[in-house]
Amino acid sequence: NFISHSLSIPELRFLMSAALPAVCTPSSSSLCDVGSRLGAVLFGASILGGFRHAVGVEFNPDLCKVQEAAVGAFGLEKSVRVVCGDVLDNTQLIADAQVVVLH
C-alpha cells in the first residue's frame, strides 16, 4: 500500500482543463512536476490536459518504479518521462518547461 498526498481527480481536472489553459497552450507546452511521487500530475497532464510532454522528477527510487510501471501500462511513453534523482541535479528540466508544478 502507498500513502501519498496528491491532487484529487477533480483538482486535476480543474488544473488541466481550466487553470493551465488560461495561461498556456498545453498541446505545445511541456510540464515539469517536481517531487512527482506517484505521478498523478504527470498522468493528468498527458491524459486530461493534452500536454505535449510531461516530466516528473522524483528522488525516491521506489516511487519512480511505480510511475514507470504506470507509464508503460497506459502507453504514455511518448508523452511522459520519469527522472529518478534530485531536482538540483536536473535543473535543465525546469528551465525547459513552460509549466513547473511544485506541491
Protein backbone atom coordinates (compact mmCIF):
# COMPACT_ATOMS: atom_id res chain seq x y z
CA ASN A 1 0.00 0.00 0.00
CA PHE A 2 1.08 3.54 -0.77
CA ILE A 3 0.00 6.58 1.17
CA SER A 4 0.59 9.76 -0.76
CA HIS A 5 -0.73 13.26 -0.79
CA SER A 6 -1.55 14.46 -4.25
CA LEU A 7 -4.18 16.28 -6.19
CA SER A 8 -7.61 14.71 -6.36
CA ILE A 9 -9.17 13.88 -9.72
CA PRO A 10 -11.48 16.95 -9.57
CA GLU A 11 -8.50 19.15 -8.72
CA LEU A 12 -6.52 17.67 -11.62
CA ARG A 13 -9.45 18.21 -13.99
CA PHE A 14 -9.72 21.85 -12.95
CA LEU A 15 -5.96 22.41 -13.20
CA MET A 16 -5.66 20.77 -16.62
CA SER A 17 -8.90 21.97 -18.23
CA ALA A 18 -9.33 25.48 -16.81
CA ALA A 19 -6.40 26.92 -14.86
CA LEU A 20 -3.46 25.97 -17.09
CA PRO A 21 -5.13 26.51 -20.48
CA ALA A 22 -5.81 30.07 -19.32
CA VAL A 23 -2.06 30.75 -19.21
CA CYS A 24 -0.53 28.35 -21.80
CA THR A 25 -1.33 26.14 -24.76
CA PRO A 26 -0.92 22.60 -23.38
CA SER A 27 -0.62 20.89 -26.76
CA SER A 28 2.56 22.87 -27.45
CA SER A 29 3.83 23.06 -23.86
CA SER A 30 5.83 20.91 -21.51
CA LEU A 31 5.22 20.43 -17.81
CA CYS A 32 7.73 19.51 -15.10
CA ASP A 33 6.41 18.09 -11.83
CA VAL A 34 9.00 18.37 -9.06
CA GLY A 35 8.51 15.65 -6.48
CA SER A 36 6.18 13.69 -8.73
CA ARG A 37 5.51 10.95 -6.13
CA LEU A 38 3.03 8.52 -7.76
CA GLY A 39 2.74 10.52 -10.99
CA ALA A 40 -0.82 11.85 -10.71
CA VAL A 41 0.10 15.28 -12.11
CA LEU A 42 2.08 13.69 -14.96
CA PHE A 43 -0.77 11.43 -15.97
CA GLY A 44 -3.27 14.26 -15.60
CA ALA A 45 -1.10 16.49 -17.81
CA SER A 46 -0.94 13.83 -20.50
CA ILE A 47 -4.44 12.36 -20.37
CA LEU A 48 -6.61 15.25 -19.13
CA GLY A 49 -4.55 18.23 -20.24
CA GLY A 50 -3.13 17.11 -23.56
CA PHE A 51 0.34 18.43 -22.75
CA ARG A 52 2.93 17.78 -25.44
CA HIS A 53 5.35 16.47 -22.82
CA ALA A 54 5.31 15.92 -19.07
CA VAL A 55 8.35 15.03 -16.99
CA GLY A 56 8.42 14.16 -13.32
CA VAL A 57 11.47 14.43 -11.10
CA GLU A 58 11.29 12.10 -8.10
CA PHE A 59 14.01 11.36 -5.55
CA ASN A 60 12.52 8.11 -4.19
CA PRO A 61 13.52 5.14 -6.42
CA ASP A 62 10.53 3.05 -5.28
CA LEU A 63 8.11 5.77 -6.37
CA CYS A 64 10.00 6.12 -9.67
CA LYS A 65 9.39 2.42 -10.32
CA VAL A 66 5.67 2.83 -9.64
CA GLN A 67 5.46 5.75 -12.06
CA GLU A 68 7.49 3.98 -14.75
CA ALA A 69 5.25 0.91 -14.49
CA ALA A 70 2.15 3.09 -14.92
CA VAL A 71 3.68 4.92 -17.89
CA GLY A 72 4.25 1.55 -19.57
CA ALA A 73 0.89 0.10 -18.59
CA PHE A 74 -1.01 3.05 -20.07
CA GLY A 75 1.20 3.52 -23.14
CA LEU A 76 2.32 7.02 -22.21
CA GLU A 77 5.99 6.61 -23.18
CA LYS A 78 5.76 9.28 -25.89
CA SER A 79 4.38 12.00 -23.63
CA VAL A 80 5.50 11.17 -20.07
CA ARG A 81 9.01 10.74 -18.71
CA VAL A 82 10.16 10.00 -15.16
CA VAL A 83 13.57 11.15 -13.98
CA CYS A 84 14.71 9.47 -10.80
CA GLY A 85 17.02 11.84 -8.96
CA ASP A 86 17.48 15.15 -7.23
CA VAL A 87 15.92 18.16 -8.96
CA LEU A 88 19.07 20.11 -8.12
CA ASP A 89 20.94 17.79 -10.48
CA ASN A 90 18.25 18.20 -13.17
CA THR A 91 17.68 21.95 -13.32
CA GLN A 92 17.55 21.94 -17.13
CA LEU A 93 14.22 20.12 -16.92
CA ILE A 94 12.78 23.12 -15.08
CA ALA A 95 14.38 25.57 -17.49
CA ASP A 96 12.87 23.73 -20.47
CA ALA A 97 9.33 23.55 -19.04
CA GLN A 98 6.61 26.11 -19.68
CA VAL A 99 4.79 24.90 -16.54
CA VAL A 100 6.50 23.82 -13.31
CA VAL A 101 4.42 22.15 -10.61
CA LEU A 102 5.64 22.32 -7.01
CA HIS A 103 3.23 20.91 -4.46
